[in-house]
Amino acid sequence: MSSSLKDILGSIEQLEKFFDEYQQAFQKNSENIIANLSSTWKLMKLEHDDLQKIENNIENSKE
């Protein structure tokens, strides 16, 4: 096999390796982002519910 063909094959293998690493990192980061969004959404929902309770208490105390 000629050296230029070996170089090309080596470059392709290296590209595949880097792409696999990139894909794994992207997948992990995507999972982390989704988990963070889910957690943030739950906290926002709890805060919203607490605010509604406070508003209801204020309205009830006016009566």
N, C-alpha and C. Protein backbone atom coordinates (compact mmCIF):
# COMPACT_ATOMS: atom_id res chain seq x y z
N MET A 1 0.85 -1.17 0.00
CA MET A 1 0.00 0.00 0.00
C MET A 1 0.90 1.24 0.00
N SER A 2 0.57 2.18 -0.82
CA SER A 2 1.40 3.38 -0.91
C SER A 2 1.26 4.23 0.35
N SER A 3 2.27 5.02 0.60
CA SER A 3 2.27 5.83 1.83
C SER A 3 1.16 6.88 1.81
N SER A 4 0.84 7.42 0.63
CA SER A 4 -0.23 8.43 0.57
C SER A 4 -1.58 7.79 0.88
N LEU A 5 -1.79 6.56 0.44
CA LEU A 5 -3.04 5.86 0.75
C LEU A 5 -3.12 5.56 2.25
N LYS A 6 -1.98 5.17 2.83
CA LYS A 6 -1.94 4.93 4.27
C LYS A 6 -2.24 6.22 5.04
N ASP A 7 -1.71 7.33 4.55
CA ASP A 7 -1.97 8.62 5.19
C ASP A 7 -3.45 8.97 5.13
N ILE A 8 -4.05 8.73 3.97
CA ILE A 8 -5.48 9.02 3.79
C ILE A 8 -6.31 8.15 4.72
N LEU A 9 -6.00 6.85 4.76
CA LEU A 9 -6.74 5.95 5.64
C LEU A 9 -6.55 6.33 7.11
N GLY A 10 -5.34 6.71 7.47
CA GLY A 10 -5.07 7.16 8.84
C GLY A 10 -5.86 8.41 9.18
N SER A 11 -5.94 9.32 8.23
CA SER A 11 -6.71 10.55 8.45
C SER A 11 -8.19 10.24 8.60
N ILE A 12 -8.69 9.31 7.80
CA ILE A 12 -10.10 8.93 7.89
C ILE A 12 -10.39 8.30 9.25
N GLU A 13 -9.50 7.41 9.70
CA GLU A 13 -9.68 6.78 11.01
C GLU A 13 -9.65 7.81 12.13
N GLN A 14 -8.74 8.77 12.01
CA GLN A 14 -8.65 9.82 13.02
C GLN A 14 -9.91 10.68 13.00
N LEU A 15 -10.41 10.98 11.82
CA LEU A 15 -11.65 11.76 11.70
C LEU A 15 -12.81 11.01 12.33
N GLU A 16 -12.90 9.71 12.08
CA GLU A 16 -13.97 8.89 12.68
C GLU A 16 -13.88 8.93 14.20
N LYS A 17 -12.66 8.82 14.72
CA LYS A 17 -12.45 8.85 16.17
C LYS A 17 -12.89 10.18 16.75
N PHE A 18 -12.46 11.28 16.13
CA PHE A 18 -12.84 12.60 16.62
C PHE A 18 -14.34 12.82 16.52
N PHE A 19 -14.95 12.34 15.43
CA PHE A 19 -16.39 12.50 15.27
C PHE A 19 -17.14 11.71 16.34
N ASP A 20 -16.69 10.49 16.63
CA ASP A 20 -17.32 9.69 17.69
C ASP A 20 -17.22 10.39 19.04
N GLU A 21 -16.05 10.95 19.34
CA GLU A 21 -15.87 11.67 20.60
C GLU A 21 -16.78 12.90 20.66
N TYR A 22 -16.87 13.61 19.54
CA TYR A 22 -17.74 14.78 19.47
C TYR A 22 -19.19 14.38 19.69
N GLN A 23 -19.60 13.31 19.03
CA GLN A 23 -20.99 12.85 19.14
C GLN A 23 -21.32 12.43 20.57
N GLN A 24 -20.40 11.75 21.23
CA GLN A 24 -20.62 11.35 22.62
C GLN A 24 -20.71 12.56 23.54
N ALA A 25 -19.83 13.52 23.35
CA ALA A 25 -19.86 14.74 24.16
C ALA A 25 -21.14 15.52 23.92
N PHE A 26 -21.57 15.60 22.66
CA PHE A 26 -22.80 16.30 22.32
C PHE A 26 -24.00 15.62 22.98
N GLN A 27 -24.04 14.30 22.94
CA GLN A 27 -25.13 13.54 23.56
C GLN A 27 -25.17 13.79 25.07
N LYS A 28 -24.01 13.73 25.71
CA LYS A 28 -23.94 13.95 27.15
C LYS A 28 -24.39 15.36 27.50
N ASN A 29 -23.92 16.34 26.75
CA ASN A 29 -24.31 17.72 27.01
C ASN A 29 -25.80 17.93 26.78
N SER A 30 -26.35 17.28 25.76
CA SER A 30 -27.78 17.39 25.50
C SER A 30 -28.59 16.82 26.66
N GLU A 31 -28.14 15.68 27.18
CA GLU A 31 -28.82 15.07 28.33
C GLU A 31 -28.75 15.99 29.54
N ASN A 32 -27.60 16.62 29.76
CA ASN A 32 -27.45 17.55 30.88
C ASN A 32 -28.36 18.76 30.71
N ILE A 33 -28.44 19.28 29.50
CA ILE A 33 -29.30 20.44 29.24
C ILE A 33 -30.75 20.08 29.50
N ILE A 34 -31.18 18.92 29.02
CA ILE A 34 -32.57 18.50 29.23
C ILE A 34 -32.86 18.32 30.72
N ALA A 35 -31.93 17.72 31.45
CA ALA A 35 -32.11 17.55 32.90
C ALA A 35 -32.20 18.90 33.60
N ASN A 36 -31.34 19.84 33.21
CA ASN A 36 -31.37 21.18 33.82
C ASN A 36 -32.66 21.92 33.49
N LEU A 37 -33.13 21.79 32.26
CA LEU A 37 -34.39 22.43 31.89
C LEU A 37 -35.56 21.85 32.67
N SER A 38 -35.56 20.55 32.82
CA SER A 38 -36.62 19.88 33.58
C SER A 38 -36.62 20.34 35.03
N SER A 39 -35.45 20.40 35.62
CA SER A 39 -35.33 20.85 37.01
C SER A 39 -35.77 22.30 37.15
N THR A 40 -35.34 23.14 36.24
CA THR A 40 -35.71 24.56 36.27
C THR A 40 -37.21 24.72 36.11
N TRP A 41 -37.81 23.95 35.20
CA TRP A 41 -39.26 24.03 34.99
C TRP A 41 -40.01 23.65 36.26
N LYS A 42 -39.57 22.59 36.94
CA LYS A 42 -40.23 22.16 38.18
C LYS A 42 -40.12 23.24 39.25
N LEU A 43 -38.94 23.85 39.37
CA LEU A 43 -38.76 24.92 40.36
C LEU A 43 -39.63 26.14 40.03
N MET A 44 -39.73 26.47 38.75
CA MET A 44 -40.57 27.60 38.34
C MET A 44 -42.03 27.30 38.65
N LYS A 45 -42.45 26.07 38.43
CA LYS A 45 -43.84 25.67 38.71
C LYS A 45 -44.12 25.79 40.21
N LEU A 46 -43.19 25.33 41.04
CA LEU A 46 -43.37 25.45 42.49
C LEU A 46 -43.45 26.91 42.92
N GLU A 47 -42.59 27.74 42.36
CA GLU A 47 -42.61 29.16 42.69
C GLU A 47 -43.92 29.80 42.25
N HIS A 48 -44.39 29.43 41.08
CA HIS A 48 -45.66 29.96 40.58
C HIS A 48 -46.81 29.55 41.51
N ASP A 49 -46.81 28.28 41.93
CA ASP A 49 -47.85 27.81 42.84
C ASP A 49 -47.80 28.57 44.16
N ASP A 50 -46.59 28.80 44.68
CA ASP A 50 -46.45 29.56 45.92
C ASP A 50 -46.97 30.98 45.76
N LEU A 51 -46.68 31.60 44.63
CA LEU A 51 -47.16 32.97 44.39
C LEU A 51 -48.68 33.00 44.30
N GLN A 52 -49.27 31.99 43.69
CA GLN A 52 -50.73 31.94 43.61
C GLN A 52 -51.34 31.81 45.00
N LYS A 53 -50.73 31.00 45.86
CA LYS A 53 -51.23 30.86 47.24
C LYS A 53 -51.16 32.19 47.97
N ILE A 54 -50.05 32.89 47.81
CA ILE A 54 -49.90 34.20 48.46
C ILE A 54 -50.95 35.18 47.94
N GLU A 55 -51.15 35.20 46.64
CA GLU A 55 -52.16 36.09 46.06
C GLU A 55 -53.55 35.74 46.56
N ASN A 56 -53.85 34.46 46.67
CA ASN A 56 -55.15 34.03 47.19
C ASN A 56 -55.31 34.45 48.65
N ASN A 57 -54.26 34.31 49.44
CA ASN A 57 -54.32 34.73 50.84
C ASN A 57 -54.55 36.23 50.95
N ILE A 58 -53.90 37.00 50.10
CA ILE A 58 -54.10 38.45 50.11
C ILE A 58 -55.53 38.79 49.74
N GLU A 59 -56.05 38.15 48.71
CA GLU A 59 -57.43 38.41 48.29
C GLU A 59 -58.42 38.01 49.38
N ASN A 60 -58.17 36.88 50.02
CA ASN A 60 -59.07 36.42 51.08
C ASN A 60 -59.01 37.33 52.31
N SER A 61 -57.85 37.91 52.57
CA SER A 61 -57.73 38.79 53.74
C SER A 61 -58.42 40.13 53.51
N LYS A 62 -58.65 40.50 52.26
CA LYS A 62 -59.33 41.76 51.94
C LYS A 62 -60.82 41.65 52.21
N GLU A 63 -61.34 40.45 52.18
CA GLU A 63 -62.79 40.26 52.33
C GLU A 63 -63.24 40.40 53.75
